[in-house]
Amino acid sequence: MVRLVSFDVWNTLMDINIMLENLGKALSYLLNIPEKDAMGKVLEAREEIKRIRKARASNPSKALEESQKLLANKLEVDVEIVRRAAALATLSVDERIVLSKVPETLKRLNGRYIVITTGNVMFWPSSYTRLLMEKFGLAEHITRQFYSDEIGTYKPMKEAFLKPLKHFKVSPAEAIHIGDTKAEDFEGALKAGLYACWINPNAKK
């Protein structure tokens, strides 16, 4: 019997594209470069980081810092610029970032199950994501949030899924993880022994 429901955050509860667009705009503003160029570097860095993490070649305890430095290197700027841009991007987010039906779904699940987030971080710390979860009322329906920069491991590593379960004394067979990334969320959760649900962004309705 399932006792715990785990959600990925970005592109599962909130729209990552809006946040990345805001990051690109902030970098464009701070560096006085075309927004298209800034956004291109953001997307390029993001894909490279995903490849590194899929291969488990990144230091789990330094995953956030490594992602910020990688983007800074692509832009040929100090990492402080990336950190400032991430802060500006967070400040400019509005309610459009919350995906359709998410608040209602979380509200229905809360109380019936232990509801958690199991999220990776990239470019901005989990504290910024937590601010958005609070701002748009999602956090009140979550039992506890877990993020890679807080637990020292990232998806698809098994420990990223098992550490939250240990906190609640729940076995993998009693948990399901829901997310949009096949390698990180779906395959990672299955390999850790959880049930898994993949939100395939390319699936035909």
N, C-alpha and C. Protein backbone atom coordinates (compact mmCIF):
# COMPACT_ATOMS: atom_id res chain seq x y z
N MET A 1 0.84 -1.20 0.00
CA MET A 1 0.00 0.00 0.00
C MET A 1 0.88 1.25 0.00
N VAL A 2 0.56 2.18 -0.85
CA VAL A 2 1.32 3.42 -0.94
C VAL A 2 0.97 4.33 0.23
N ARG A 3 2.01 4.79 0.93
CA ARG A 3 1.84 5.71 2.06
C ARG A 3 2.40 7.09 1.76
N LEU A 4 3.34 7.15 0.82
CA LEU A 4 4.04 8.41 0.56
C LEU A 4 4.04 8.71 -0.93
N VAL A 5 3.73 9.96 -1.27
CA VAL A 5 3.76 10.43 -2.66
C VAL A 5 4.82 11.52 -2.77
N SER A 6 5.79 11.28 -3.63
CA SER A 6 6.90 12.22 -3.85
C SER A 6 6.74 12.90 -5.21
N PHE A 7 6.91 14.22 -5.21
CA PHE A 7 6.82 14.98 -6.45
C PHE A 7 8.16 15.63 -6.78
N ASP A 8 8.56 15.54 -8.02
CA ASP A 8 9.57 16.45 -8.56
C ASP A 8 8.93 17.84 -8.53
N VAL A 9 9.74 18.88 -8.56
CA VAL A 9 9.18 20.24 -8.50
C VAL A 9 9.05 20.87 -9.89
N TRP A 10 10.18 20.99 -10.59
CA TRP A 10 10.19 21.76 -11.83
C TRP A 10 9.64 20.95 -13.00
N ASN A 11 8.64 21.53 -13.65
CA ASN A 11 7.86 20.93 -14.74
C ASN A 11 6.96 19.79 -14.26
N THR A 12 6.80 19.72 -12.95
CA THR A 12 5.82 18.81 -12.36
C THR A 12 4.83 19.62 -11.53
N LEU A 13 5.35 20.52 -10.69
CA LEU A 13 4.51 21.43 -9.91
C LEU A 13 4.59 22.86 -10.45
N MET A 14 5.79 23.28 -10.86
CA MET A 14 5.99 24.64 -11.37
C MET A 14 6.72 24.59 -12.71
N ASP A 15 6.48 25.59 -13.54
CA ASP A 15 6.99 25.64 -14.91
C ASP A 15 8.44 26.12 -14.94
N ILE A 16 9.36 25.22 -15.26
CA ILE A 16 10.77 25.58 -15.31
C ILE A 16 11.06 26.59 -16.41
N ASN A 17 10.30 26.55 -17.50
CA ASN A 17 10.56 27.45 -18.62
C ASN A 17 10.39 28.91 -18.23
N ILE A 18 9.40 29.19 -17.39
CA ILE A 18 9.20 30.57 -16.93
C ILE A 18 10.39 31.02 -16.10
N MET A 19 10.87 30.15 -15.21
CA MET A 19 12.01 30.51 -14.37
C MET A 19 13.27 30.69 -15.21
N LEU A 20 13.49 29.83 -16.18
CA LEU A 20 14.67 29.96 -17.04
C LEU A 20 14.60 31.21 -17.90
N GLU A 21 13.40 31.54 -18.38
CA GLU A 21 13.23 32.77 -19.16
C GLU A 21 13.56 33.99 -18.30
N ASN A 22 13.10 33.97 -17.06
CA ASN A 22 13.41 35.07 -16.15
C ASN A 22 14.90 35.16 -15.87
N LEU A 23 15.55 34.00 -15.77
CA LEU A 23 17.00 33.98 -15.55
C LEU A 23 17.72 34.58 -16.75
N GLY A 24 17.28 34.22 -17.95
CA GLY A 24 17.87 34.78 -19.16
C GLY A 24 17.70 36.29 -19.24
N LYS A 25 16.52 36.77 -18.88
CA LYS A 25 16.25 38.21 -18.87
C LYS A 25 17.13 38.93 -17.86
N ALA A 26 17.30 38.32 -16.69
CA ALA A 26 18.13 38.93 -15.65
C ALA A 26 19.59 38.99 -16.07
N LEU A 27 20.08 37.94 -16.70
CA LEU A 27 21.46 37.95 -17.19
C LEU A 27 21.64 38.98 -18.29
N SER A 28 20.65 39.08 -19.17
CA SER A 28 20.68 40.09 -20.23
C SER A 28 20.78 41.49 -19.65
N TYR A 29 20.00 41.73 -18.61
CA TYR A 29 19.99 43.04 -17.95
C TYR A 29 21.32 43.33 -17.27
N LEU A 30 21.84 42.37 -16.52
CA LEU A 30 23.07 42.58 -15.76
C LEU A 30 24.30 42.71 -16.65
N LEU A 31 24.31 41.99 -17.76
CA LEU A 31 25.48 41.95 -18.64
C LEU A 31 25.35 42.85 -19.86
N ASN A 32 24.14 43.41 -20.05
CA ASN A 32 23.88 44.26 -21.21
C ASN A 32 24.18 43.52 -22.51
N ILE A 33 23.63 42.31 -22.59
CA ILE A 33 23.77 41.50 -23.80
C ILE A 33 22.37 41.12 -24.28
N PRO A 34 22.24 40.72 -25.55
CA PRO A 34 20.91 40.33 -26.05
C PRO A 34 20.33 39.18 -25.23
N GLU A 35 19.05 39.27 -24.98
CA GLU A 35 18.37 38.22 -24.20
C GLU A 35 18.52 36.85 -24.86
N LYS A 36 18.48 36.84 -26.19
CA LYS A 36 18.62 35.58 -26.93
C LYS A 36 19.96 34.92 -26.64
N ASP A 37 21.02 35.72 -26.56
CA ASP A 37 22.35 35.18 -26.29
C ASP A 37 22.43 34.63 -24.87
N ALA A 38 21.87 35.38 -23.92
CA ALA A 38 21.89 34.93 -22.52
C ALA A 38 21.12 33.63 -22.37
N MET A 39 19.95 33.56 -23.00
CA MET A 39 19.11 32.37 -22.90
C MET A 39 19.79 31.17 -23.54
N GLY A 40 20.49 31.41 -24.63
CA GLY A 40 21.21 30.32 -25.29
C GLY A 40 22.25 29.69 -24.38
N LYS A 41 22.97 30.52 -23.63
CA LYS A 41 23.98 30.02 -22.69
C LYS A 41 23.33 29.26 -21.53
N VAL A 42 22.20 29.75 -21.07
CA VAL A 42 21.48 29.08 -19.98
C VAL A 42 21.07 27.67 -20.41
N LEU A 43 20.47 27.56 -21.59
CA LEU A 43 20.00 26.26 -22.07
C LEU A 43 21.16 25.32 -22.38
N GLU A 44 22.23 25.89 -22.91
CA GLU A 44 23.42 25.09 -23.21
C GLU A 44 24.00 24.51 -21.92
N ALA A 45 24.11 25.37 -20.90
CA ALA A 45 24.65 24.92 -19.61
C ALA A 45 23.74 23.89 -18.96
N ARG A 46 22.44 24.09 -19.07
CA ARG A 46 21.47 23.17 -18.46
C ARG A 46 21.59 21.77 -19.05
N GLU A 47 21.69 21.68 -20.36
CA GLU A 47 21.80 20.37 -21.01
C GLU A 47 23.11 19.68 -20.62
N GLU A 48 24.18 20.46 -20.53
CA GLU A 48 25.47 19.87 -20.14
C GLU A 48 25.42 19.34 -18.71
N ILE A 49 24.79 20.09 -17.82
CA ILE A 49 24.67 19.67 -16.42
C ILE A 49 23.83 18.40 -16.32
N LYS A 50 22.77 18.32 -17.09
CA LYS A 50 21.92 17.12 -17.07
C LYS A 50 22.71 15.89 -17.53
N ARG A 51 23.55 16.06 -18.54
CA ARG A 51 24.38 14.94 -19.01
C ARG A 51 25.37 14.50 -17.93
N ILE A 52 25.96 15.49 -17.26
CA ILE A 52 26.93 15.19 -16.20
C ILE A 52 26.26 14.43 -15.06
N ARG A 53 25.08 14.88 -14.68
CA ARG A 53 24.38 14.24 -13.56
C ARG A 53 23.85 12.86 -13.92
N LYS A 54 23.43 12.71 -15.15
CA LYS A 54 22.96 11.39 -15.60
C LYS A 54 24.09 10.37 -15.50
N ALA A 55 25.32 10.84 -15.78
CA ALA A 55 26.49 9.98 -15.69
C ALA A 55 27.04 9.91 -14.27
N ARG A 56 26.39 10.64 -13.34
CA ARG A 56 26.80 10.70 -11.94
C ARG A 56 28.24 11.18 -11.80
N ALA A 57 28.63 12.14 -12.66
CA ALA A 57 30.00 12.64 -12.68
C ALA A 57 30.17 13.93 -11.89
N SER A 58 29.10 14.39 -11.25
CA SER A 58 29.16 15.63 -10.47
C SER A 58 29.24 15.30 -8.99
N ASN A 59 29.97 16.12 -8.25
CA ASN A 59 30.08 15.96 -6.79
C ASN A 59 28.74 16.33 -6.16
N PRO A 60 28.05 15.40 -5.52
CA PRO A 60 26.71 15.69 -4.97
C PRO A 60 26.69 16.86 -3.99
N SER A 61 27.74 17.00 -3.21
CA SER A 61 27.76 18.07 -2.20
C SER A 61 28.05 19.44 -2.81
N LYS A 62 28.48 19.46 -4.07
CA LYS A 62 28.82 20.73 -4.72
C LYS A 62 28.05 20.93 -6.03
N ALA A 63 26.95 20.21 -6.17
CA ALA A 63 26.20 20.24 -7.43
C ALA A 63 25.69 21.63 -7.79
N LEU A 64 25.18 22.37 -6.80
CA LEU A 64 24.68 23.72 -7.06
C LEU A 64 25.81 24.64 -7.50
N GLU A 65 26.90 24.64 -6.72
CA GLU A 65 28.03 25.51 -7.05
C GLU A 65 28.61 25.19 -8.42
N GLU A 66 28.69 23.90 -8.74
CA GLU A 66 29.22 23.50 -10.04
C GLU A 66 28.34 23.99 -11.18
N SER A 67 27.02 23.94 -10.99
CA SER A 67 26.11 24.41 -12.04
C SER A 67 26.24 25.92 -12.24
N GLN A 68 26.38 26.66 -11.15
CA GLN A 68 26.54 28.11 -11.25
C GLN A 68 27.85 28.48 -11.93
N LYS A 69 28.91 27.77 -11.58
CA LYS A 69 30.22 28.05 -12.17
C LYS A 69 30.25 27.69 -13.65
N LEU A 70 29.58 26.60 -14.01
CA LEU A 70 29.56 26.20 -15.41
C LEU A 70 28.87 27.26 -16.26
N LEU A 71 27.74 27.78 -15.78
CA LEU A 71 27.05 28.84 -16.51
C LEU A 71 27.89 30.10 -16.56
N ALA A 72 28.53 30.44 -15.45
CA ALA A 72 29.39 31.63 -15.41
C ALA A 72 30.53 31.51 -16.41
N ASN A 73 31.12 30.33 -16.52
CA ASN A 73 32.22 30.12 -17.46
C ASN A 73 31.75 30.27 -18.90
N LYS A 74 30.56 29.80 -19.19
CA LYS A 74 30.02 29.93 -20.55
C LYS A 74 29.77 31.39 -20.91
N LEU A 75 29.40 32.17 -19.89
CA LEU A 75 29.14 33.60 -20.10
C LEU A 75 30.41 34.43 -19.96
N GLU A 76 31.49 33.78 -19.48
CA GLU A 76 32.78 34.44 -19.23
C GLU A 76 32.63 35.58 -18.23
N VAL A 77 31.95 35.27 -17.12
CA VAL A 77 31.74 36.26 -16.06
C VAL A 77 32.01 35.61 -14.71
N ASP A 78 32.09 36.44 -13.69
CA ASP A 78 32.23 35.94 -12.33
C ASP A 78 30.93 35.25 -11.90
N VAL A 79 31.05 34.23 -11.07
CA VAL A 79 29.87 33.48 -10.64
C VAL A 79 28.87 34.35 -9.87
N GLU A 80 29.34 35.46 -9.32
CA GLU A 80 28.44 36.36 -8.60
C GLU A 80 27.32 36.89 -9.50
N ILE A 81 27.63 37.08 -10.78
CA ILE A 81 26.62 37.54 -11.73
C ILE A 81 25.49 36.51 -11.86
N VAL A 82 25.85 35.25 -11.91
CA VAL A 82 24.84 34.18 -12.00
C VAL A 82 23.99 34.16 -10.75
N ARG A 83 24.63 34.34 -9.59
CA ARG A 83 23.88 34.33 -8.33
C ARG A 83 22.92 35.52 -8.26
N ARG A 84 23.37 36.67 -8.70
CA ARG A 84 22.49 37.85 -8.72
C ARG A 84 21.32 37.65 -9.68
N ALA A 85 21.62 37.10 -10.84
CA ALA A 85 20.57 36.87 -11.84
C ALA A 85 19.52 35.90 -11.31
N ALA A 86 19.96 34.88 -10.59
CA ALA A 86 19.02 33.91 -10.02
C ALA A 86 18.10 34.57 -9.01
N ALA A 87 18.66 35.49 -8.22
CA ALA A 87 17.84 36.21 -7.24
C ALA A 87 16.83 37.11 -7.94
N LEU A 88 17.27 37.82 -8.98
CA LEU A 88 16.37 38.69 -9.74
C LEU A 88 15.27 37.88 -10.43
N ALA A 89 15.64 36.73 -10.96
CA ALA A 89 14.66 35.88 -11.63
C ALA A 89 13.57 35.43 -10.67
N THR A 90 13.96 35.08 -9.47
CA THR A 90 13.00 34.63 -8.46
C THR A 90 12.05 35.75 -8.06
N LEU A 91 12.60 36.95 -7.91
CA LEU A 91 11.78 38.09 -7.51
C LEU A 91 10.73 38.47 -8.55
N SER A 92 11.00 38.16 -9.81
CA SER A 92 10.09 38.59 -10.88
C SER A 92 9.05 37.54 -11.27
N VAL A 93 9.05 36.39 -10.61
CA VAL A 93 8.10 35.32 -10.94
C VAL A 93 6.69 35.67 -10.50
N ASP A 94 5.70 35.36 -11.34
CA ASP A 94 4.30 35.56 -10.94
C ASP A 94 3.57 34.21 -10.93
N GLU A 95 2.26 34.25 -10.69
CA GLU A 95 1.49 33.03 -10.46
C GLU A 95 1.41 32.10 -11.68
N ARG A 96 1.79 32.58 -12.85
CA ARG A 96 1.76 31.73 -14.05
C ARG A 96 2.71 30.53 -13.94
N ILE A 97 3.63 30.62 -13.00
CA ILE A 97 4.63 29.55 -12.86
C ILE A 97 4.02 28.26 -12.32
N VAL A 98 2.89 28.36 -11.63
CA VAL A 98 2.24 27.17 -11.07
C VAL A 98 1.48 26.45 -12.19
N LEU A 99 1.77 25.18 -12.37
CA LEU A 99 1.14 24.41 -13.44
C LEU A 99 -0.33 24.11 -13.13
N SER A 100 -1.09 23.92 -14.18
CA SER A 100 -2.53 23.70 -14.07
C SER A 100 -2.88 22.51 -13.17
N LYS A 101 -3.87 22.69 -12.34
CA LYS A 101 -4.45 21.66 -11.46
C LYS A 101 -3.53 21.25 -10.30
N VAL A 102 -2.35 21.84 -10.20
CA VAL A 102 -1.41 21.43 -9.15
C VAL A 102 -1.95 21.71 -7.74
N PRO A 103 -2.41 22.94 -7.44
CA PRO A 103 -2.91 23.19 -6.08
C PRO A 103 -4.03 22.24 -5.66
N GLU A 104 -4.98 22.01 -6.57
CA GLU A 104 -6.10 21.13 -6.27
C GLU A 104 -5.64 19.69 -6.03
N THR A 105 -4.67 19.24 -6.83
CA THR A 105 -4.16 17.88 -6.69
C THR A 105 -3.46 17.69 -5.35
N LEU A 106 -2.59 18.64 -5.00
CA LEU A 106 -1.87 18.55 -3.73
C LEU A 106 -2.84 18.59 -2.55
N LYS A 107 -3.85 19.42 -2.66
CA LYS A 107 -4.83 19.55 -1.58
C LYS A 107 -5.57 18.23 -1.37
N ARG A 108 -5.90 17.55 -2.47
CA ARG A 108 -6.62 16.27 -2.36
C ARG A 108 -5.75 15.18 -1.74
N LEU A 109 -4.47 15.21 -2.05
CA LEU A 109 -3.56 14.18 -1.56
C LEU A 109 -3.14 14.41 -0.11
N ASN A 110 -3.03 15.67 0.28
CA ASN A 110 -2.59 16.02 1.63
C ASN A 110 -3.58 15.49 2.66
N GLY A 111 -3.05 14.77 3.64
CA GLY A 111 -3.92 14.19 4.66
C GLY A 111 -4.17 12.72 4.42
N ARG A 112 -4.26 12.36 3.15
CA ARG A 112 -4.44 10.94 2.79
C ARG A 112 -3.09 10.24 2.69
N TYR A 113 -2.06 11.00 2.29
CA TYR A 113 -0.72 10.46 2.14
C TYR A 113 0.30 11.42 2.75
N ILE A 114 1.50 10.91 2.98
CA ILE A 114 2.64 11.78 3.23
C ILE A 114 3.01 12.35 1.87
N VAL A 115 3.02 13.66 1.73
CA VAL A 115 3.31 14.29 0.44
C VAL A 115 4.63 15.06 0.55
N ILE A 116 5.57 14.75 -0.30
CA ILE A 116 6.87 15.41 -0.25
C ILE A 116 7.31 15.87 -1.64
N THR A 117 8.32 16.72 -1.66
CA THR A 117 9.01 17.03 -2.91
C THR A 117 10.40 16.41 -2.83
N THR A 118 10.87 15.91 -3.96
CA THR A 118 12.24 15.42 -4.09
C THR A 118 12.81 16.12 -5.31
N GLY A 119 13.55 17.19 -5.08
CA GLY A 119 13.96 18.04 -6.18
C GLY A 119 15.46 18.26 -6.30
N ASN A 120 15.94 18.34 -7.53
CA ASN A 120 17.31 18.75 -7.79
C ASN A 120 17.38 20.26 -7.84
N VAL A 121 18.59 20.79 -7.69
CA VAL A 121 18.79 22.23 -7.83
C VAL A 121 19.80 22.50 -8.94
N MET A 122 19.58 23.59 -9.64
CA MET A 122 20.47 24.00 -10.72
C MET A 122 20.36 25.51 -10.89
N PHE A 123 21.47 26.21 -10.78
CA PHE A 123 21.60 27.66 -10.95
C PHE A 123 21.12 28.46 -9.73
N TRP A 124 20.06 28.03 -9.06
CA TRP A 124 19.60 28.74 -7.86
C TRP A 124 19.41 27.74 -6.72
N PRO A 125 19.59 28.18 -5.48
CA PRO A 125 19.47 27.27 -4.33
C PRO A 125 18.03 26.90 -4.03
N SER A 126 17.87 25.85 -3.26
CA SER A 126 16.53 25.40 -2.90
C SER A 126 15.76 26.43 -2.09
N SER A 127 16.47 27.31 -1.40
CA SER A 127 15.77 28.34 -0.62
C SER A 127 14.92 29.23 -1.52
N TYR A 128 15.35 29.46 -2.76
CA TYR A 128 14.55 30.25 -3.70
C TYR A 128 13.31 29.48 -4.13
N THR A 129 13.48 28.18 -4.37
CA THR A 129 12.34 27.34 -4.73
C THR A 129 11.34 27.29 -3.58
N ARG A 130 11.85 27.20 -2.37
CA ARG A 130 10.99 27.20 -1.18
C ARG A 130 10.18 28.50 -1.09
N LEU A 131 10.81 29.61 -1.42
CA LEU A 131 10.10 30.90 -1.40
C LEU A 131 8.91 30.88 -2.37
N LEU A 132 9.14 30.33 -3.56
CA LEU A 132 8.06 30.26 -4.55
C LEU A 132 6.96 29.29 -4.11
N MET A 133 7.35 28.19 -3.50
CA MET A 133 6.36 27.23 -3.00
C MET A 133 5.47 27.87 -1.94
N GLU A 134 6.06 28.73 -1.12
CA GLU A 134 5.29 29.45 -0.09
C GLU A 134 4.44 30.54 -0.73
N LYS A 135 5.05 31.31 -1.63
CA LYS A 135 4.38 32.45 -2.24
C LYS A 135 3.09 32.05 -2.94
N PHE A 136 3.11 30.89 -3.59
CA PHE A 136 1.95 30.48 -4.38
C PHE A 136 1.11 29.40 -3.70
N GLY A 137 1.32 29.21 -2.40
CA GLY A 137 0.45 28.36 -1.60
C GLY A 137 0.61 26.87 -1.76
N LEU A 138 1.70 26.43 -2.39
CA LEU A 138 1.90 24.99 -2.58
C LEU A 138 2.47 24.32 -1.34
N ALA A 139 3.31 25.04 -0.62
CA ALA A 139 3.99 24.45 0.54
C ALA A 139 3.03 24.00 1.62
N GLU A 140 1.89 24.66 1.74
CA GLU A 140 0.95 24.29 2.81
C GLU A 140 0.34 22.91 2.60
N HIS A 141 0.46 22.37 1.39
CA HIS A 141 -0.07 21.04 1.11
C HIS A 141 1.03 19.98 1.07
N ILE A 142 2.26 20.37 1.40
CA ILE A 142 3.40 19.46 1.36
C ILE A 142 3.82 19.14 2.79
N THR A 143 3.99 17.86 3.09
CA THR A 143 4.42 17.45 4.42
C THR A 143 5.84 17.90 4.70
N ARG A 144 6.72 17.69 3.73
CA ARG A 144 8.12 18.12 3.87
C ARG A 144 8.76 18.19 2.49
N GLN A 145 9.64 19.18 2.32
CA GLN A 145 10.35 19.35 1.05
C GLN A 145 11.79 18.87 1.20
N PHE A 146 12.27 18.16 0.19
CA PHE A 146 13.66 17.68 0.16
C PHE A 146 14.31 18.15 -1.14
N TYR A 147 15.50 18.74 -1.02
CA TYR A 147 16.22 19.24 -2.20
C TYR A 147 17.67 18.78 -2.16
N SER A 148 18.25 18.64 -3.33
CA SER A 148 19.58 18.04 -3.44
C SER A 148 20.66 18.82 -2.70
N ASP A 149 20.56 20.14 -2.64
CA ASP A 149 21.59 20.91 -1.93
C ASP A 149 21.43 20.80 -0.42
N GLU A 150 20.32 20.28 0.04
CA GLU A 150 20.09 20.10 1.47
C GLU A 150 20.41 18.68 1.93
N ILE A 151 20.19 17.70 1.05
CA ILE A 151 20.42 16.31 1.46
C ILE A 151 21.72 15.72 0.92
N GLY A 152 22.45 16.51 0.12
CA GLY A 152 23.78 16.09 -0.32
C GLY A 152 23.82 14.99 -1.37
N THR A 153 22.75 14.85 -2.12
CA THR A 153 22.70 13.89 -3.22
C THR A 153 21.65 14.34 -4.22
N TYR A 154 21.73 13.88 -5.45
CA TYR A 154 20.79 14.35 -6.46
C TYR A 154 20.22 13.18 -7.25
N LYS A 155 19.04 13.40 -7.81
CA LYS A 155 18.45 12.40 -8.71
C LYS A 155 19.29 12.32 -9.99
N PRO A 156 19.55 11.15 -10.53
CA PRO A 156 18.89 9.87 -10.30
C PRO A 156 19.56 8.97 -9.27
N MET A 157 20.47 9.49 -8.44
CA MET A 157 21.11 8.65 -7.43
C MET A 157 20.07 8.06 -6.48
N LYS A 158 20.28 6.82 -6.09
CA LYS A 158 19.32 6.13 -5.22
C LYS A 158 19.10 6.88 -3.91
N GLU A 159 20.18 7.41 -3.34
CA GLU A 159 20.07 8.07 -2.04
C GLU A 159 19.15 9.29 -2.08
N ALA A 160 19.02 9.91 -3.24
CA ALA A 160 18.12 11.07 -3.35
C ALA A 160 16.67 10.67 -3.09
N PHE A 161 16.35 9.43 -3.41
CA PHE A 161 14.99 8.92 -3.16
C PHE A 161 14.87 8.26 -1.79
N LEU A 162 15.95 7.61 -1.35
CA LEU A 162 15.88 6.83 -0.11
C LEU A 162 16.00 7.68 1.15
N LYS A 163 16.77 8.77 1.10
CA LYS A 163 16.91 9.61 2.29
C LYS A 163 15.57 10.16 2.78
N PRO A 164 14.73 10.72 1.91
CA PRO A 164 13.42 11.19 2.37
C PRO A 164 12.57 10.07 2.96
N LEU A 165 12.64 8.88 2.37
CA LEU A 165 11.85 7.75 2.88
C LEU A 165 12.30 7.35 4.27
N LYS A 166 13.62 7.37 4.49
CA LYS A 166 14.15 7.02 5.81
C LYS A 166 13.64 7.98 6.88
N HIS A 167 13.50 9.25 6.51
CA HIS A 167 13.01 10.24 7.47
C HIS A 167 11.63 9.87 7.99
N PHE A 168 10.80 9.32 7.13
CA PHE A 168 9.42 8.97 7.51
C PHE A 168 9.25 7.48 7.83
N LYS A 169 10.39 6.75 7.81
CA LYS A 169 10.34 5.30 8.06
C LYS A 169 9.37 4.60 7.10
N VAL A 170 9.48 4.97 5.85
CA VAL A 170 8.66 4.39 4.78
C VAL A 170 9.57 3.56 3.87
N SER A 171 9.12 2.40 3.49
CA SER A 171 9.91 1.56 2.59
C SER A 171 9.68 1.99 1.14
N PRO A 172 10.64 1.71 0.25
CA PRO A 172 10.45 2.07 -1.16
C PRO A 172 9.17 1.49 -1.76
N ALA A 173 8.78 0.31 -1.30
CA ALA A 173 7.57 -0.34 -1.82
C ALA A 173 6.29 0.37 -1.38
N GLU A 174 6.42 1.33 -0.45
CA GLU A 174 5.27 2.08 0.04
C GLU A 174 5.25 3.51 -0.52
N ALA A 175 6.07 3.76 -1.54
CA ALA A 175 6.19 5.13 -2.05
C ALA A 175 6.13 5.17 -3.57
N ILE A 176 5.63 6.29 -4.07
CA ILE A 176 5.63 6.55 -5.51
C ILE A 176 6.22 7.92 -5.77
N HIS A 177 7.05 8.03 -6.81
CA HIS A 177 7.63 9.32 -7.20
C HIS A 177 7.07 9.72 -8.55
N ILE A 178 6.71 10.99 -8.67
CA ILE A 178 6.11 11.53 -9.90
C ILE A 178 6.99 12.66 -10.43
N GLY A 179 7.37 12.58 -11.69
CA GLY A 179 8.21 13.62 -12.26
C GLY A 179 8.22 13.60 -13.77
N ASP A 180 8.85 14.63 -14.36
CA ASP A 180 8.79 14.79 -15.81
C ASP A 180 10.03 14.32 -16.55
N THR A 181 11.11 14.02 -15.82
CA THR A 181 12.35 13.63 -16.48
C THR A 181 12.53 12.12 -16.42
N LYS A 182 12.64 11.49 -17.57
CA LYS A 182 12.68 10.02 -17.61
C LYS A 182 13.85 9.45 -16.83
N ALA A 183 15.06 9.96 -17.09
CA ALA A 183 16.25 9.40 -16.43
C ALA A 183 16.28 9.74 -14.95
N GLU A 184 16.07 11.00 -14.61
CA GLU A 184 16.19 11.44 -13.22
C GLU A 184 15.03 10.94 -12.36
N ASP A 185 13.82 11.14 -12.83
CA ASP A 185 12.64 10.85 -12.01
C ASP A 185 12.14 9.42 -12.16
N PHE A 186 11.84 9.03 -13.36
CA PHE A 186 11.21 7.72 -13.59
C PHE A 186 12.19 6.57 -13.37
N GLU A 187 13.27 6.56 -14.14
CA GLU A 187 14.24 5.47 -14.02
C GLU A 187 14.94 5.49 -12.67
N GLY A 188 15.25 6.68 -12.18
CA GLY A 188 15.92 6.80 -10.88
C GLY A 188 15.07 6.24 -9.75
N ALA A 189 13.79 6.57 -9.75
CA ALA A 189 12.89 6.08 -8.70
C ALA A 189 12.71 4.57 -8.78
N LEU A 190 12.55 4.04 -9.99
CA LEU A 190 12.39 2.60 -10.15
C LEU A 190 13.62 1.84 -9.66
N LYS A 191 14.80 2.35 -9.98
CA LYS A 191 16.04 1.69 -9.55
C LYS A 191 16.20 1.74 -8.03
N ALA A 192 15.59 2.74 -7.39
CA ALA A 192 15.65 2.85 -5.93
C ALA A 192 14.57 1.99 -5.27
N GLY A 193 13.70 1.37 -6.07
CA GLY A 193 12.69 0.48 -5.54
C GLY A 193 11.32 1.09 -5.33
N LEU A 194 11.14 2.35 -5.73
CA LEU A 194 9.85 3.01 -5.59
C LEU A 194 8.97 2.69 -6.79
N TYR A 195 7.68 2.92 -6.65
CA TYR A 195 6.81 3.02 -7.82
C TYR A 195 7.14 4.36 -8.48
N ALA A 196 6.86 4.49 -9.76
CA ALA A 196 7.18 5.74 -10.44
C ALA A 196 6.14 6.07 -11.50
N CYS A 197 5.91 7.36 -11.67
CA CYS A 197 5.01 7.87 -12.69
C CYS A 197 5.74 8.94 -13.48
N TRP A 198 5.88 8.72 -14.78
CA TRP A 198 6.58 9.67 -15.65
C TRP A 198 5.57 10.57 -16.36
N ILE A 199 5.69 11.86 -16.13
CA ILE A 199 4.88 12.84 -16.85
C ILE A 199 5.64 13.16 -18.14
N ASN A 200 5.30 12.47 -19.20
CA ASN A 200 6.00 12.61 -20.47
C ASN A 200 5.53 13.87 -21.18
N PRO A 201 6.40 14.89 -21.29
CA PRO A 201 5.97 16.15 -21.93
C PRO A 201 5.66 16.01 -23.41
N ASN A 202 6.13 14.92 -24.02
CA ASN A 202 5.92 14.72 -25.46
C ASN A 202 4.80 13.74 -25.77
N ALA A 203 4.12 13.28 -24.74
CA ALA A 203 3.05 12.30 -24.95
C ALA A 203 1.87 12.95 -25.66
N LYS A 204 1.22 12.19 -26.52
CA LYS A 204 0.04 12.69 -27.22
C LYS A 204 -1.17 12.51 -26.32
N LYS A 205 -1.99 13.55 -26.22
CA LYS A 205 -3.16 13.49 -25.36
C LYS A 205 -4.26 12.64 -26.00
